[in-house]
């Protein structure tokens, strides 16, 4: 349900669900919504590639090394 609300950018609903801690105590619902809005952003293409394709790249390199080693046997 939270993912749906984040995708819809329904920050006022999410502000109702927040349990305020520290400096958040005493903030109004609108202030909490604004704070949550600053905490969400789109990932850049570079960040996506680094997170999801780095492991694949390393697996490919390891496989190539293994294949090269096996071909020498």
PDB file of N, CA and C in Angstrom:
ATOM      1  N   UNK A   1       0.823  -1.192   0.000  1.00  0.00           N
ATOM      2  CA  UNK A   1       0.000   0.000   0.000  1.00  0.00           C
ATOM      3  C   UNK A   1       0.872   1.262   0.000  1.00  0.00           C
ATOM      4  N   UNK A   2       1.983   1.224   0.713  1.00  0.00           N
ATOM      5  CA  UNK A   2       2.859   2.400   0.759  1.00  0.00           C
ATOM      6  C   UNK A   2       3.463   2.671  -0.619  1.00  0.00           C
ATOM      7  N   UNK A   3       3.869   1.599  -1.308  1.00  0.00           N
ATOM      8  CA  UNK A   3       4.448   1.769  -2.641  1.00  0.00           C
ATOM      9  C   UNK A   3       3.455   2.463  -3.561  1.00  0.00           C
ATOM     10  N   UNK A   4       2.211   2.038  -3.494  1.00  0.00           N
ATOM     11  CA  UNK A   4       1.162   2.644  -4.313  1.00  0.00           C
ATOM     12  C   UNK A   4       1.036   4.140  -4.001  1.00  0.00           C
ATOM     13  N   UNK A   5       1.055   4.470  -2.735  1.00  0.00           N
ATOM     14  CA  UNK A   5       0.920   5.878  -2.332  1.00  0.00           C
ATOM     15  C   UNK A   5       2.140   6.701  -2.758  1.00  0.00           C
ATOM     16  N   UNK A   6       3.312   6.089  -2.705  1.00  0.00           N
ATOM     17  CA  UNK A   6       4.525   6.794  -3.152  1.00  0.00           C
ATOM     18  C   UNK A   6       4.458   7.024  -4.652  1.00  0.00           C
ATOM     19  N   UNK A   7       4.056   5.993  -5.413  1.00  0.00           N
ATOM     20  CA  UNK A   7       3.950   6.142  -6.859  1.00  0.00           C
ATOM     21  C   UNK A   7       2.916   7.199  -7.239  1.00  0.00           C
ATOM     22  N   UNK A   8       1.858   7.310  -6.468  1.00  0.00           N
ATOM     23  CA  UNK A   8       0.829   8.322  -6.716  1.00  0.00           C
ATOM     24  C   UNK A   8       1.232   9.691  -6.173  1.00  0.00           C
ATOM     25  N   UNK A   9       2.342   9.729  -5.448  1.00  0.00           N
ATOM     26  CA  UNK A   9       2.848  10.959  -4.834  1.00  0.00           C
ATOM     27  C   UNK A   9       1.823  11.554  -3.871  1.00  0.00           C
ATOM     28  N   UNK A  10       1.209  10.672  -3.089  1.00  0.00           N
ATOM     29  CA  UNK A  10       0.207  11.071  -2.100  1.00  0.00           C
ATOM     30  C   UNK A  10       0.908  11.287  -0.754  1.00  0.00           C
ATOM     31  N   UNK A  11       1.666  12.371  -0.680  1.00  0.00           N
ATOM     32  CA  UNK A  11       2.496  12.628   0.483  1.00  0.00           C
ATOM     33  C   UNK A  11       1.690  12.993   1.729  1.00  0.00           C
ATOM     34  N   UNK A  12       0.522  13.561   1.561  1.00  0.00           N
ATOM     35  CA  UNK A  12      -0.315  13.882   2.722  1.00  0.00           C
ATOM     36  C   UNK A  12      -0.786  12.604   3.416  1.00  0.00           C
ATOM     37  N   UNK A  13      -1.146  11.586   2.642  1.00  0.00           N
ATOM     38  CA  UNK A  13      -1.529  10.296   3.233  1.00  0.00           C
ATOM     39  C   UNK A  13      -0.327   9.683   3.953  1.00  0.00           C
ATOM     40  N   UNK A  14       0.829   9.725   3.302  1.00  0.00           N
ATOM     41  CA  UNK A  14       2.039   9.164   3.910  1.00  0.00           C
ATOM     42  C   UNK A  14       2.417   9.925   5.179  1.00  0.00           C
ATOM     43  N   UNK A  15       2.173  11.231   5.196  1.00  0.00           N
ATOM     44  CA  UNK A  15       2.465  12.037   6.389  1.00  0.00           C
ATOM     45  C   UNK A  15       1.602  11.580   7.563  1.00  0.00           C
ATOM     46  N   UNK A  16       0.382  11.123   7.281  1.00  0.00           N
ATOM     47  CA  UNK A  16      -0.478  10.588   8.341  1.00  0.00           C
ATOM     48  C   UNK A  16       0.101   9.307   8.931  1.00  0.00           C
ATOM     49  N   UNK A  17       0.849   8.557   8.122  1.00  0.00           N
ATOM     50  CA  UNK A  17       1.392   7.266   8.546  1.00  0.00           C
ATOM     51  C   UNK A  17       2.744   7.389   9.255  1.00  0.00           C
ATOM     52  N   UNK A  18       3.373   8.548   9.152  1.00  0.00           N
ATOM     53  CA  UNK A  18       4.706   8.749   9.728  1.00  0.00           C
ATOM     54  C   UNK A  18       4.625   8.778  11.249  1.00  0.00           C
ATOM     55  N   UNK A  19       5.579   8.092  11.870  1.00  0.00           N
ATOM     56  CA  UNK A  19       5.754   8.194  13.317  1.00  0.00           C
ATOM     57  C   UNK A  19       6.903   9.176  13.527  1.00  0.00           C
ATOM     58  N   UNK A  20       6.598  10.392  13.950  1.00  0.00           N
ATOM     59  CA  UNK A  20       7.643  11.409  14.050  1.00  0.00           C
ATOM     60  C   UNK A  20       8.671  11.088  15.135  1.00  0.00           C
ATOM     61  N   UNK A  21       9.928  11.287  14.766  1.00  0.00           N
ATOM     62  CA  UNK A  21      11.021  11.106  15.724  1.00  0.00           C
ATOM     63  C   UNK A  21      11.957  12.311  15.620  1.00  0.00           C
ATOM     64  N   UNK A  22      12.617  12.606  16.691  1.00  0.00           N
ATOM     65  CA  UNK A  22      13.589  13.692  16.698  1.00  0.00           C
ATOM     66  C   UNK A  22      12.988  15.034  16.330  1.00  0.00           C
ATOM     67  N   UNK A  23      13.574  15.660  15.315  1.00  0.00           N
ATOM     68  CA  UNK A  23      13.131  16.994  14.873  1.00  0.00           C
ATOM     69  C   UNK A  23      11.745  16.978  14.243  1.00  0.00           C
ATOM     70  N   UNK A  24      11.253  15.805  13.878  1.00  0.00           N
ATOM     71  CA  UNK A  24       9.943  15.700  13.232  1.00  0.00           C
ATOM     72  C   UNK A  24       8.797  15.904  14.223  1.00  0.00           C
ATOM     73  N   UNK A  25       9.087  15.718  15.493  1.00  0.00           N
ATOM     74  CA  UNK A  25       8.051  15.903  16.514  1.00  0.00           C
ATOM     75  C   UNK A  25       7.628  17.368  16.505  1.00  0.00           C
ATOM     76  N   UNK A  26       6.353  17.588  16.425  1.00  0.00           N
ATOM     77  CA  UNK A  26       5.831  18.946  16.409  1.00  0.00           C
ATOM     78  C   UNK A  26       5.617  19.502  15.015  1.00  0.00           C
ATOM     79  N   UNK A  27       6.037  18.780  13.983  1.00  0.00           N
ATOM     80  CA  UNK A  27       5.811  19.239  12.617  1.00  0.00           C
ATOM     81  C   UNK A  27       4.342  19.045  12.248  1.00  0.00           C
ATOM     82  N   UNK A  28       3.828  19.947  11.446  1.00  0.00           N
ATOM     83  CA  UNK A  28       2.451  19.806  10.973  1.00  0.00           C
ATOM     84  C   UNK A  28       2.399  18.731   9.889  1.00  0.00           C
ATOM     85  N   UNK A  29       1.185  18.334   9.554  1.00  0.00           N
ATOM     86  CA  UNK A  29       1.000  17.315   8.514  1.00  0.00           C
ATOM     87  C   UNK A  29       1.602  17.792   7.190  1.00  0.00           C
ATOM     88  N   UNK A  30       1.408  19.059   6.861  1.00  0.00           N
ATOM     89  CA  UNK A  30       1.942  19.606   5.615  1.00  0.00           C
ATOM     90  C   UNK A  30       3.472  19.643   5.640  1.00  0.00           C
ATOM     91  N   UNK A  31       4.056  19.991   6.772  1.00  0.00           N
ATOM     92  CA  UNK A  31       5.518  19.999   6.886  1.00  0.00           C
ATOM     93  C   UNK A  31       6.085  18.594   6.721  1.00  0.00           C
ATOM     94  N   UNK A  32       5.410  17.594   7.308  1.00  0.00           N
ATOM     95  CA  UNK A  32       5.850  16.207   7.135  1.00  0.00           C
ATOM     96  C   UNK A  32       5.746  15.786   5.669  1.00  0.00           C
ATOM     97  N   UNK A  33       4.664  16.176   5.014  1.00  0.00           N
ATOM     98  CA  UNK A  33       4.491  15.842   3.596  1.00  0.00           C
ATOM     99  C   UNK A  33       5.601  16.472   2.752  1.00  0.00           C
ATOM    100  N   UNK A  34       5.947  17.710   3.036  1.00  0.00           N
ATOM    101  CA  UNK A  34       7.033  18.376   2.305  1.00  0.00           C
ATOM    102  C   UNK A  34       8.372  17.695   2.551  1.00  0.00           C
ATOM    103  N   UNK A  35       8.603  17.269   3.786  1.00  0.00           N
ATOM    104  CA  UNK A  35       9.834  16.568   4.117  1.00  0.00           C
ATOM    105  C   UNK A  35       9.905  15.244   3.356  1.00  0.00           C
ATOM    106  N   UNK A  36       8.802  14.499   3.315  1.00  0.00           N
ATOM    107  CA  UNK A  36       8.767  13.230   2.586  1.00  0.00           C
ATOM    108  C   UNK A  36       8.984  13.447   1.090  1.00  0.00           C
ATOM    109  N   UNK A  37       8.459  14.526   0.568  1.00  0.00           N
ATOM    110  CA  UNK A  37       8.613  14.844  -0.852  1.00  0.00           C
ATOM    111  C   UNK A  37      10.091  15.022  -1.195  1.00  0.00           C
ATOM    112  N   UNK A  38      10.866  15.586  -0.278  1.00  0.00           N
ATOM    113  CA  UNK A  38      12.295  15.794  -0.543  1.00  0.00           C
ATOM    114  C   UNK A  38      13.085  14.495  -0.455  1.00  0.00           C
ATOM    115  N   UNK A  39      12.526  13.469   0.181  1.00  0.00           N
ATOM    116  CA  UNK A  39      13.236  12.202   0.372  1.00  0.00           C
ATOM    117  C   UNK A  39      13.028  11.219  -0.779  1.00  0.00           C
ATOM    118  N   UNK A  40      12.156  11.535  -1.718  1.00  0.00           N
ATOM    119  CA  UNK A  40      11.888  10.638  -2.840  1.00  0.00           C
ATOM    120  C   UNK A  40      12.349  11.295  -4.129  1.00  0.00           C
ATOM    121  N   UNK A  41      13.008  10.511  -4.968  1.00  0.00           N
ATOM    122  CA  UNK A  41      13.461  11.014  -6.258  1.00  0.00           C
ATOM    123  C   UNK A  41      13.641   9.832  -7.206  1.00  0.00           C
ATOM    124  N   UNK A  42      13.732  10.120  -8.480  1.00  0.00           N
ATOM    125  CA  UNK A  42      13.978   9.083  -9.469  1.00  0.00           C
ATOM    126  C   UNK A  42      15.452   8.706  -9.441  1.00  0.00           C
ATOM    127  N   UNK A  43      15.717   7.436  -9.704  1.00  0.00           N
ATOM    128  CA  UNK A  43      17.099   7.000  -9.868  1.00  0.00           C
ATOM    129  C   UNK A  43      17.577   7.417 -11.252  1.00  0.00           C
ATOM    130  N   UNK A  44      18.853   7.776 -11.357  1.00  0.00           N
ATOM    131  CA  UNK A  44      19.421   8.086 -12.668  1.00  0.00           C
ATOM    132  C   UNK A  44      19.731   6.778 -13.383  1.00  0.00           C
ATOM    133  N   UNK A  45      19.889   6.836 -14.689  1.00  0.00           N
ATOM    134  CA  UNK A  45      20.236   5.642 -15.470  1.00  0.00           C
ATOM    135  C   UNK A  45      21.560   5.049 -14.982  1.00  0.00           C
ATOM    136  N   UNK A  46      22.482   5.916 -14.621  1.00  0.00           N
ATOM    137  CA  UNK A  46      23.785   5.466 -14.133  1.00  0.00           C
ATOM    138  C   UNK A  46      23.637   4.678 -12.824  1.00  0.00           C
ATOM    139  N   UNK A  47      22.807   5.167 -11.918  1.00  0.00           N
ATOM    140  CA  UNK A  47      22.583   4.475 -10.651  1.00  0.00           C
ATOM    141  C   UNK A  47      21.916   3.113 -10.872  1.00  0.00           C
ATOM    142  N   UNK A  48      20.982   3.052 -11.800  1.00  0.00           N
ATOM    143  CA  UNK A  48      20.310   1.789 -12.104  1.00  0.00           C
ATOM    144  C   UNK A  48      21.302   0.794 -12.683  1.00  0.00           C
ATOM    145  N   UNK A  49      22.107   1.244 -13.635  1.00  0.00           N
ATOM    146  CA  UNK A  49      23.095   0.354 -14.238  1.00  0.00           C
ATOM    147  C   UNK A  49      24.105  -0.141 -13.215  1.00  0.00           C
ATOM    148  N   UNK A  50      24.535   0.743 -12.344  1.00  0.00           N
ATOM    149  CA  UNK A  50      25.511   0.357 -11.328  1.00  0.00           C
ATOM    150  C   UNK A  50      24.942  -0.683 -10.371  1.00  0.00           C
ATOM    151  N   UNK A  51      23.695  -0.494  -9.975  1.00  0.00           N
ATOM    152  CA  UNK A  51      23.090  -1.384  -8.995  1.00  0.00           C
ATOM    153  C   UNK A  51      22.711  -2.742  -9.582  1.00  0.00           C
ATOM    154  N   UNK A  52      22.137  -2.762 -10.766  1.00  0.00           N
ATOM    155  CA  UNK A  52      21.571  -3.995 -11.288  1.00  0.00           C
ATOM    156  C   UNK A  52      22.424  -4.708 -12.320  1.00  0.00           C
ATOM    157  N   UNK A  53      23.350  -4.024 -12.959  1.00  0.00           N
ATOM    158  CA  UNK A  53      24.128  -4.671 -14.006  1.00  0.00           C
ATOM    159  C   UNK A  53      25.577  -4.918 -13.637  1.00  0.00           C
ATOM    160  N   UNK A  54      26.020  -4.372 -12.528  1.00  0.00           N
ATOM    161  CA  UNK A  54      27.403  -4.567 -12.101  1.00  0.00           C
ATOM    162  C   UNK A  54      27.665  -6.040 -11.817  1.00  0.00           C
ATOM    163  N   UNK A  55      26.740  -6.693 -11.132  1.00  0.00           N
ATOM    164  CA  UNK A  55      26.898  -8.108 -10.814  1.00  0.00           C
ATOM    165  C   UNK A  55      26.950  -8.973 -12.053  1.00  0.00           C
ATOM    166  N   UNK A  56      26.130  -8.666 -13.029  1.00  0.00           N
ATOM    167  CA  UNK A  56      26.128  -9.422 -14.287  1.00  0.00           C
ATOM    168  C   UNK A  56      27.444  -9.263 -15.018  1.00  0.00           C
ATOM    169  N   UNK A  57      27.967  -8.051 -15.006  1.00  0.00           N
ATOM    170  CA  UNK A  57      29.228  -7.788 -15.676  1.00  0.00           C
ATOM    171  C   UNK A  57      30.345  -8.602 -15.026  1.00  0.00           C
ATOM    172  N   UNK A  58      30.347  -8.652 -13.693  1.00  0.00           N
ATOM    173  CA  UNK A  58      31.366  -9.408 -12.972  1.00  0.00           C
ATOM    174  C   UNK A  58      31.220 -10.910 -13.246  1.00  0.00           C
ATOM    175  N   UNK A  59      29.984 -11.407 -13.347  1.00  0.00           N
ATOM    176  CA  UNK A  59      29.760 -12.815 -13.656  1.00  0.00           C
ATOM    177  C   UNK A  59      30.287 -13.148 -15.041  1.00  0.00           C
ATOM    178  N   UNK A  60      30.067 -12.258 -15.988  1.00  0.00           N
ATOM    179  CA  UNK A  60      30.526 -12.478 -17.353  1.00  0.00           C
ATOM    180  C   UNK A  60      32.053 -12.540 -17.383  1.00  0.00           C
ATOM    181  N   UNK A  61      32.715 -11.635 -16.669  1.00  0.00           N
ATOM    182  CA  UNK A  61      34.180 -11.628 -16.620  1.00  0.00           C
ATOM    183  C   UNK A  61      34.694 -12.915 -15.989  1.00  0.00           C
ATOM    184  N   UNK A  62      34.058 -13.355 -14.893  1.00  0.00           N
ATOM    185  CA  UNK A  62      34.479 -14.595 -14.231  1.00  0.00           C
ATOM    186  C   UNK A  62      34.281 -15.787 -15.157  1.00  0.00           C
ATOM    187  N   UNK A  63      33.176 -15.827 -15.879  1.00  0.00           N
ATOM    188  CA  UNK A  63      32.924 -16.930 -16.805  1.00  0.00           C
ATOM    189  C   UNK A  63      33.967 -16.953 -17.910  1.00  0.00           C
ATOM    190  N   UNK A  64      34.312 -15.777 -18.442  1.00  0.00           N
ATOM    191  CA  UNK A  64      35.331 -15.710 -19.493  1.00  0.00           C
ATOM    192  C   UNK A  64      36.678 -16.225 -18.980  1.00  0.00           C
ATOM    193  N   UNK A  65      37.031 -15.875 -17.749  1.00  0.00           N
ATOM    194  CA  UNK A  65      38.280 -16.359 -17.163  1.00  0.00           C
ATOM    195  C   UNK A  65      38.243 -17.876 -16.985  1.00  0.00           C
ATOM    196  N   UNK A  66      37.101 -18.393 -16.506  1.00  0.00           N
ATOM    197  CA  UNK A  66      36.967 -19.836 -16.339  1.00  0.00           C
ATOM    198  C   UNK A  66      37.054 -20.554 -17.667  1.00  0.00           C
ATOM    199  N   UNK A  67      36.387 -20.039 -18.682  1.00  0.00           N
ATOM    200  CA  UNK A  67      36.417 -20.647 -20.013  1.00  0.00           C
ATOM    201  C   UNK A  67      37.832 -20.649 -20.570  1.00  0.00           C
ATOM    202  N   UNK A  68      38.542 -19.554 -20.371  1.00  0.00           N
ATOM    203  CA  UNK A  68      39.918 -19.458 -20.846  1.00  0.00           C
ATOM    204  C   UNK A  68      40.806 -20.496 -20.138  1.00  0.00           C
ATOM    205  N   UNK A  69      40.615 -20.629 -18.828  1.00  0.00           N
ATOM    206  CA  UNK A  69      41.396 -21.594 -18.049  1.00  0.00           C
ATOM    207  C   UNK A  69      41.087 -23.028 -18.486  1.00  0.00           C
ATOM    208  N   UNK A  70      39.797 -23.322 -18.669  1.00  0.00           N
ATOM    209  CA  UNK A  70      39.385 -24.670 -19.058  1.00  0.00           C
ATOM    210  C   UNK A  70      39.907 -25.019 -20.456  1.00  0.00           C
ATOM    211  N   UNK A  71      39.929 -24.043 -21.362  1.00  0.00           N
ATOM    212  CA  UNK A  71      40.393 -24.313 -22.716  1.00  0.00           C
ATOM    213  C   UNK A  71      41.880 -24.654 -22.742  1.00  0.00           C
ATOM    214  N   UNK A  72      42.635 -24.220 -21.734  1.00  0.00           N
ATOM    215  CA  UNK A  72      44.057 -24.522 -21.663  1.00  0.00           C
ATOM    216  C   UNK A  72      44.315 -25.937 -21.138  1.00  0.00           C
ATOM    217  N   UNK A  73      43.329 -26.564 -20.506  1.00  0.00           N
ATOM    218  CA  UNK A  73      43.507 -27.902 -19.954  1.00  0.00           C
ATOM    219  C   UNK A  73      43.545 -28.918 -21.006  1.00  0.00           C
TER     220      UNK A  73
END
